[in-house]
Amino acid sequence: MKGKILVIEDNEQNLYLVRFILEQSGYEVFAAPDGQSGIETAVSLKPDLILLDIQLPVMDGYAVARNLRQNPGLAGTSIVAVTSYAMPGDREKTIEAGCNGYIEKPIDPDTFMAKVEQHLSVKLRGE
């Protein structure tokens, strides 16, 4: 396996597609269906990358990103928002909340993996 990726996503169809693409590319994929369980999973798993939906039940993705950024054990973990929020200012709002990147939904299966791999943590790339 290339590395561990946590996908915090409540939509089963989106999760299925993301998981399929990532697993086909050799990654071990873990999932959480809401913000709170996403935080708990991230803390215990210490993934190499977190793909974070913004529109989540229990706690939205902005709050999740801010919470994860306060955890020293996850300081080197990249967080990428994967969201349908595509209005002016939405990308900046995700970055301000602590995300390292932003991928718009619906995802493009042909380019998704390349975008994800741009954000993988330095430790995974061995730099």
N, C-alpha and C. Protein backbone atom coordinates (compact mmCIF):
# COMPACT_ATOMS: atom_id res chain seq x y z
N MET A 1 0.83 -1.20 0.00
CA MET A 1 0.00 0.00 0.00
C MET A 1 0.87 1.25 0.00
N LYS A 2 0.41 2.25 -0.73
CA LYS A 2 1.14 3.51 -0.82
C LYS A 2 1.01 4.36 0.43
N GLY A 3 -0.12 4.28 1.10
CA GLY A 3 -0.35 5.11 2.28
C GLY A 3 -1.80 5.04 2.71
N LYS A 4 -2.08 5.69 3.85
CA LYS A 4 -3.43 5.69 4.42
C LYS A 4 -4.10 7.03 4.15
N ILE A 5 -5.32 6.96 3.62
CA ILE A 5 -6.10 8.16 3.35
C ILE A 5 -7.44 8.03 4.06
N LEU A 6 -7.77 9.06 4.84
CA LEU A 6 -9.06 9.13 5.52
C LEU A 6 -9.98 10.01 4.69
N VAL A 7 -11.16 9.49 4.36
CA VAL A 7 -12.17 10.24 3.62
C VAL A 7 -13.32 10.51 4.58
N ILE A 8 -13.56 11.79 4.87
CA ILE A 8 -14.68 12.17 5.74
C ILE A 8 -15.77 12.66 4.80
N GLU A 9 -16.75 11.80 4.59
CA GLU A 9 -17.78 12.03 3.56
C GLU A 9 -19.07 11.33 3.98
N ASP A 10 -20.20 12.04 3.93
CA ASP A 10 -21.47 11.44 4.33
C ASP A 10 -22.28 10.89 3.17
N ASN A 11 -21.94 11.25 1.94
CA ASN A 11 -22.68 10.77 0.79
C ASN A 11 -22.08 9.45 0.31
N GLU A 12 -22.87 8.39 0.34
CA GLU A 12 -22.36 7.06 0.02
C GLU A 12 -21.87 6.94 -1.42
N GLN A 13 -22.54 7.58 -2.36
CA GLN A 13 -22.11 7.52 -3.76
C GLN A 13 -20.77 8.22 -3.95
N ASN A 14 -20.61 9.40 -3.35
CA ASN A 14 -19.33 10.10 -3.44
C ASN A 14 -18.22 9.28 -2.79
N LEU A 15 -18.51 8.71 -1.63
CA LEU A 15 -17.53 7.89 -0.92
C LEU A 15 -17.13 6.68 -1.76
N TYR A 16 -18.10 6.04 -2.37
CA TYR A 16 -17.82 4.86 -3.20
C TYR A 16 -16.85 5.21 -4.33
N LEU A 17 -17.13 6.30 -5.04
CA LEU A 17 -16.29 6.69 -6.16
C LEU A 17 -14.87 7.06 -5.70
N VAL A 18 -14.77 7.85 -4.66
CA VAL A 18 -13.46 8.25 -4.14
C VAL A 18 -12.68 7.03 -3.66
N ARG A 19 -13.35 6.17 -2.90
CA ARG A 19 -12.69 4.96 -2.39
C ARG A 19 -12.19 4.09 -3.56
N PHE A 20 -13.02 3.91 -4.57
CA PHE A 20 -12.65 3.10 -5.73
C PHE A 20 -11.40 3.64 -6.41
N ILE A 21 -11.38 4.93 -6.68
CA ILE A 21 -10.23 5.55 -7.35
C ILE A 21 -8.97 5.41 -6.50
N LEU A 22 -9.08 5.70 -5.22
CA LEU A 22 -7.91 5.64 -4.34
C LEU A 22 -7.38 4.22 -4.19
N GLU A 23 -8.29 3.26 -4.00
CA GLU A 23 -7.85 1.87 -3.84
C GLU A 23 -7.23 1.34 -5.13
N GLN A 24 -7.76 1.72 -6.27
CA GLN A 24 -7.19 1.30 -7.55
C GLN A 24 -5.77 1.86 -7.73
N SER A 25 -5.49 2.96 -7.05
CA SER A 25 -4.17 3.58 -7.12
C SER A 25 -3.24 3.10 -6.02
N GLY A 26 -3.70 2.12 -5.22
CA GLY A 26 -2.83 1.50 -4.23
C GLY A 26 -2.88 2.07 -2.83
N TYR A 27 -3.86 2.91 -2.52
CA TYR A 27 -3.96 3.50 -1.19
C TYR A 27 -4.91 2.69 -0.31
N GLU A 28 -4.64 2.71 0.98
CA GLU A 28 -5.53 2.11 1.97
C GLU A 28 -6.49 3.21 2.39
N VAL A 29 -7.80 2.97 2.25
CA VAL A 29 -8.80 4.00 2.47
C VAL A 29 -9.63 3.69 3.72
N PHE A 30 -9.80 4.71 4.54
CA PHE A 30 -10.64 4.65 5.73
C PHE A 30 -11.70 5.72 5.56
N ALA A 31 -12.87 5.51 6.14
CA ALA A 31 -13.96 6.47 5.96
C ALA A 31 -14.62 6.80 7.28
N ALA A 32 -15.15 8.02 7.34
CA ALA A 32 -15.95 8.47 8.47
C ALA A 32 -17.15 9.23 7.89
N PRO A 33 -18.36 8.98 8.42
CA PRO A 33 -19.57 9.56 7.82
C PRO A 33 -19.96 10.94 8.33
N ASP A 34 -19.26 11.46 9.33
CA ASP A 34 -19.60 12.78 9.86
C ASP A 34 -18.36 13.42 10.48
N GLY A 35 -18.48 14.69 10.81
CA GLY A 35 -17.34 15.44 11.32
C GLY A 35 -16.75 14.90 12.61
N GLN A 36 -17.60 14.60 13.58
CA GLN A 36 -17.10 14.13 14.87
C GLN A 36 -16.37 12.80 14.75
N SER A 37 -16.96 11.84 14.04
CA SER A 37 -16.28 10.55 13.88
C SER A 37 -15.03 10.71 13.01
N GLY A 38 -15.05 11.69 12.11
CA GLY A 38 -13.87 11.97 11.29
C GLY A 38 -12.70 12.42 12.14
N ILE A 39 -12.97 13.29 13.09
CA ILE A 39 -11.91 13.75 14.01
C ILE A 39 -11.38 12.59 14.82
N GLU A 40 -12.28 11.79 15.38
CA GLU A 40 -11.87 10.65 16.20
C GLU A 40 -11.03 9.66 15.39
N THR A 41 -11.45 9.39 14.16
CA THR A 41 -10.71 8.46 13.31
C THR A 41 -9.34 9.04 12.95
N ALA A 42 -9.29 10.31 12.64
CA ALA A 42 -8.01 10.95 12.28
C ALA A 42 -7.02 10.89 13.44
N VAL A 43 -7.50 11.14 14.63
CA VAL A 43 -6.62 11.13 15.81
C VAL A 43 -6.05 9.74 16.05
N SER A 44 -6.88 8.72 15.92
CA SER A 44 -6.40 7.36 16.19
C SER A 44 -5.62 6.77 15.01
N LEU A 45 -5.99 7.11 13.79
CA LEU A 45 -5.38 6.53 12.59
C LEU A 45 -4.09 7.23 12.17
N LYS A 46 -4.04 8.54 12.35
CA LYS A 46 -2.92 9.36 11.87
C LYS A 46 -2.66 9.08 10.38
N PRO A 47 -3.64 9.41 9.53
CA PRO A 47 -3.51 9.12 8.10
C PRO A 47 -2.46 10.00 7.43
N ASP A 48 -2.09 9.61 6.23
CA ASP A 48 -1.15 10.39 5.45
C ASP A 48 -1.83 11.58 4.78
N LEU A 49 -3.15 11.48 4.59
CA LEU A 49 -3.92 12.53 3.95
C LEU A 49 -5.36 12.41 4.41
N ILE A 50 -6.02 13.56 4.55
CA ILE A 50 -7.45 13.59 4.89
C ILE A 50 -8.19 14.31 3.76
N LEU A 51 -9.17 13.64 3.19
CA LEU A 51 -10.06 14.25 2.20
C LEU A 51 -11.36 14.57 2.94
N LEU A 52 -11.72 15.84 2.96
CA LEU A 52 -12.77 16.32 3.85
C LEU A 52 -13.90 17.00 3.08
N ASP A 53 -15.09 16.43 3.18
CA ASP A 53 -16.28 17.10 2.66
C ASP A 53 -16.58 18.27 3.59
N ILE A 54 -17.13 19.33 3.07
CA ILE A 54 -17.45 20.49 3.90
C ILE A 54 -18.86 20.41 4.47
N GLN A 55 -19.79 19.91 3.68
CA GLN A 55 -21.19 19.83 4.11
C GLN A 55 -21.42 18.48 4.78
N LEU A 56 -21.19 18.44 6.10
CA LEU A 56 -21.28 17.19 6.86
C LEU A 56 -22.31 17.31 7.98
N PRO A 57 -22.88 16.18 8.40
CA PRO A 57 -23.73 16.19 9.58
C PRO A 57 -22.87 16.27 10.85
N VAL A 58 -23.49 16.65 11.93
CA VAL A 58 -22.90 16.74 13.28
C VAL A 58 -21.98 17.96 13.39
N MET A 59 -21.01 18.09 12.50
CA MET A 59 -20.04 19.18 12.54
C MET A 59 -19.58 19.43 11.11
N ASP A 60 -19.65 20.68 10.64
CA ASP A 60 -19.27 20.92 9.24
C ASP A 60 -17.75 20.82 9.05
N GLY A 61 -17.35 20.73 7.79
CA GLY A 61 -15.95 20.52 7.46
C GLY A 61 -15.03 21.64 7.91
N TYR A 62 -15.54 22.87 7.97
CA TYR A 62 -14.72 23.97 8.46
C TYR A 62 -14.34 23.75 9.91
N ALA A 63 -15.33 23.37 10.72
CA ALA A 63 -15.07 23.10 12.14
C ALA A 63 -14.15 21.90 12.31
N VAL A 64 -14.33 20.89 11.46
CA VAL A 64 -13.47 19.71 11.51
C VAL A 64 -12.02 20.10 11.22
N ALA A 65 -11.81 20.87 10.17
CA ALA A 65 -10.45 21.30 9.80
C ALA A 65 -9.81 22.10 10.93
N ARG A 66 -10.55 23.05 11.49
CA ARG A 66 -10.01 23.84 12.60
C ARG A 66 -9.63 22.95 13.78
N ASN A 67 -10.49 21.99 14.09
CA ASN A 67 -10.23 21.07 15.20
C ASN A 67 -8.98 20.23 14.93
N LEU A 68 -8.87 19.68 13.72
CA LEU A 68 -7.72 18.84 13.38
C LEU A 68 -6.42 19.63 13.42
N ARG A 69 -6.47 20.90 13.03
CA ARG A 69 -5.27 21.74 13.03
C ARG A 69 -4.78 22.04 14.45
N GLN A 70 -5.63 21.87 15.44
CA GLN A 70 -5.23 22.09 16.84
C GLN A 70 -4.56 20.87 17.45
N ASN A 71 -4.56 19.74 16.73
CA ASN A 71 -3.98 18.51 17.25
C ASN A 71 -2.53 18.40 16.78
N PRO A 72 -1.56 18.46 17.71
CA PRO A 72 -0.15 18.41 17.32
C PRO A 72 0.22 17.12 16.59
N GLY A 73 -0.46 16.02 16.87
CA GLY A 73 -0.17 14.75 16.23
C GLY A 73 -0.55 14.72 14.76
N LEU A 74 -1.32 15.70 14.31
CA LEU A 74 -1.76 15.76 12.92
C LEU A 74 -1.21 16.98 12.19
N ALA A 75 -0.24 17.63 12.81
CA ALA A 75 0.31 18.87 12.25
C ALA A 75 0.87 18.69 10.84
N GLY A 76 1.46 17.53 10.56
CA GLY A 76 2.06 17.31 9.25
C GLY A 76 1.13 16.64 8.25
N THR A 77 -0.11 16.46 8.63
CA THR A 77 -1.07 15.78 7.75
C THR A 77 -1.80 16.79 6.88
N SER A 78 -1.78 16.59 5.58
CA SER A 78 -2.50 17.46 4.66
C SER A 78 -4.00 17.17 4.74
N ILE A 79 -4.77 18.24 4.68
CA ILE A 79 -6.23 18.15 4.64
C ILE A 79 -6.68 18.82 3.35
N VAL A 80 -7.43 18.09 2.55
CA VAL A 80 -7.93 18.63 1.28
C VAL A 80 -9.46 18.62 1.32
N ALA A 81 -10.05 19.78 1.14
CA ALA A 81 -11.51 19.87 1.05
C ALA A 81 -11.94 19.32 -0.30
N VAL A 82 -12.92 18.44 -0.28
CA VAL A 82 -13.52 17.91 -1.50
C VAL A 82 -15.00 18.29 -1.39
N THR A 83 -15.39 19.32 -2.13
CA THR A 83 -16.69 19.92 -1.86
C THR A 83 -17.38 20.47 -3.09
N SER A 84 -18.69 20.55 -3.00
CA SER A 84 -19.47 21.16 -4.08
C SER A 84 -19.58 22.67 -3.89
N TYR A 85 -19.06 23.18 -2.77
CA TYR A 85 -19.06 24.63 -2.57
C TYR A 85 -18.07 25.26 -3.54
N ALA A 86 -18.59 25.96 -4.53
CA ALA A 86 -17.72 26.50 -5.59
C ALA A 86 -18.03 27.97 -5.87
N MET A 87 -18.56 28.67 -4.90
CA MET A 87 -18.85 30.08 -5.07
C MET A 87 -17.58 30.89 -4.79
N PRO A 88 -17.55 32.13 -5.27
CA PRO A 88 -16.38 32.97 -4.96
C PRO A 88 -16.17 33.04 -3.44
N GLY A 89 -14.95 32.82 -3.02
CA GLY A 89 -14.62 32.87 -1.60
C GLY A 89 -14.64 31.53 -0.90
N ASP A 90 -15.26 30.52 -1.49
CA ASP A 90 -15.34 29.22 -0.83
C ASP A 90 -13.97 28.56 -0.69
N ARG A 91 -13.15 28.63 -1.71
CA ARG A 91 -11.80 28.06 -1.64
C ARG A 91 -11.01 28.74 -0.51
N GLU A 92 -11.08 30.05 -0.45
CA GLU A 92 -10.36 30.79 0.58
C GLU A 92 -10.86 30.43 1.98
N LYS A 93 -12.15 30.23 2.10
CA LYS A 93 -12.73 29.87 3.40
C LYS A 93 -12.20 28.52 3.88
N THR A 94 -12.02 27.57 2.95
CA THR A 94 -11.49 26.26 3.35
C THR A 94 -10.02 26.38 3.77
N ILE A 95 -9.26 27.20 3.08
CA ILE A 95 -7.85 27.40 3.42
C ILE A 95 -7.73 28.08 4.79
N GLU A 96 -8.57 29.08 5.03
CA GLU A 96 -8.56 29.78 6.33
C GLU A 96 -8.91 28.83 7.47
N ALA A 97 -9.75 27.84 7.20
CA ALA A 97 -10.13 26.88 8.23
C ALA A 97 -9.03 25.86 8.53
N GLY A 98 -8.02 25.78 7.64
CA GLY A 98 -6.91 24.87 7.89
C GLY A 98 -6.66 23.84 6.81
N CYS A 99 -7.44 23.87 5.73
CA CYS A 99 -7.21 22.92 4.64
C CYS A 99 -6.00 23.36 3.82
N ASN A 100 -5.29 22.38 3.27
CA ASN A 100 -4.13 22.65 2.42
C ASN A 100 -4.51 22.79 0.96
N GLY A 101 -5.69 22.28 0.60
CA GLY A 101 -6.11 22.30 -0.78
C GLY A 101 -7.61 22.16 -0.91
N TYR A 102 -8.05 22.15 -2.16
CA TYR A 102 -9.48 22.23 -2.46
C TYR A 102 -9.73 21.52 -3.79
N ILE A 103 -10.63 20.55 -3.81
CA ILE A 103 -11.03 19.86 -5.03
C ILE A 103 -12.55 19.99 -5.14
N GLU A 104 -13.00 20.48 -6.29
CA GLU A 104 -14.44 20.68 -6.48
C GLU A 104 -15.14 19.38 -6.85
N LYS A 105 -16.38 19.24 -6.36
CA LYS A 105 -17.27 18.16 -6.77
C LYS A 105 -18.19 18.71 -7.85
N PRO A 106 -18.67 17.91 -8.75
CA PRO A 106 -18.36 16.48 -8.84
C PRO A 106 -16.92 16.28 -9.27
N ILE A 107 -16.29 15.26 -8.70
CA ILE A 107 -14.89 15.02 -9.03
C ILE A 107 -14.79 14.46 -10.44
N ASP A 108 -13.66 14.72 -11.06
CA ASP A 108 -13.36 14.19 -12.39
C ASP A 108 -12.47 12.97 -12.19
N PRO A 109 -12.97 11.76 -12.43
CA PRO A 109 -12.17 10.56 -12.20
C PRO A 109 -10.85 10.56 -12.96
N ASP A 110 -10.77 11.27 -14.09
CA ASP A 110 -9.55 11.29 -14.89
C ASP A 110 -8.45 12.15 -14.27
N THR A 111 -8.82 13.13 -13.46
CA THR A 111 -7.80 14.03 -12.89
C THR A 111 -7.74 13.98 -11.37
N PHE A 112 -8.68 13.29 -10.73
CA PHE A 112 -8.78 13.28 -9.28
C PHE A 112 -7.49 12.78 -8.61
N MET A 113 -6.94 11.67 -9.09
CA MET A 113 -5.77 11.09 -8.44
C MET A 113 -4.58 12.03 -8.50
N ALA A 114 -4.39 12.68 -9.62
CA ALA A 114 -3.27 13.62 -9.74
C ALA A 114 -3.43 14.78 -8.75
N LYS A 115 -4.65 15.26 -8.59
CA LYS A 115 -4.91 16.34 -7.63
C LYS A 115 -4.65 15.87 -6.20
N VAL A 116 -5.09 14.66 -5.88
CA VAL A 116 -4.89 14.11 -4.54
C VAL A 116 -3.39 13.97 -4.25
N GLU A 117 -2.67 13.41 -5.20
CA GLU A 117 -1.25 13.15 -4.97
C GLU A 117 -0.43 14.43 -4.84
N GLN A 118 -0.92 15.54 -5.35
CA GLN A 118 -0.24 16.82 -5.15
C GLN A 118 -0.24 17.22 -3.67
N HIS A 119 -1.21 16.71 -2.94
CA HIS A 119 -1.38 17.13 -1.55
C HIS A 119 -0.92 16.10 -0.51
N LEU A 120 -0.41 14.99 -0.96
CA LEU A 120 0.03 13.99 0.01
C LEU A 120 1.14 14.57 0.88
N SER A 121 1.16 14.14 2.12
CA SER A 121 2.11 14.70 3.07
C SER A 121 3.55 14.45 2.67
N VAL A 122 4.41 15.29 3.13
CA VAL A 122 5.83 15.18 2.84
C VAL A 122 6.38 13.84 3.33
N LYS A 123 5.92 13.37 4.48
CA LYS A 123 6.44 12.11 5.01
C LYS A 123 6.14 10.94 4.09
N LEU A 124 5.00 10.98 3.39
CA LEU A 124 4.63 9.90 2.49
C LEU A 124 5.50 9.92 1.23
N ARG A 125 5.81 11.11 0.77
CA ARG A 125 6.64 11.24 -0.41
C ARG A 125 8.12 11.02 -0.10
N GLY A 126 8.45 10.97 1.19
CA GLY A 126 9.83 10.69 1.59
C GLY A 126 10.76 11.87 1.48
N GLU A 127 10.21 13.08 1.52
CA GLU A 127 11.06 14.28 1.40
C GLU A 127 11.53 14.72 2.77
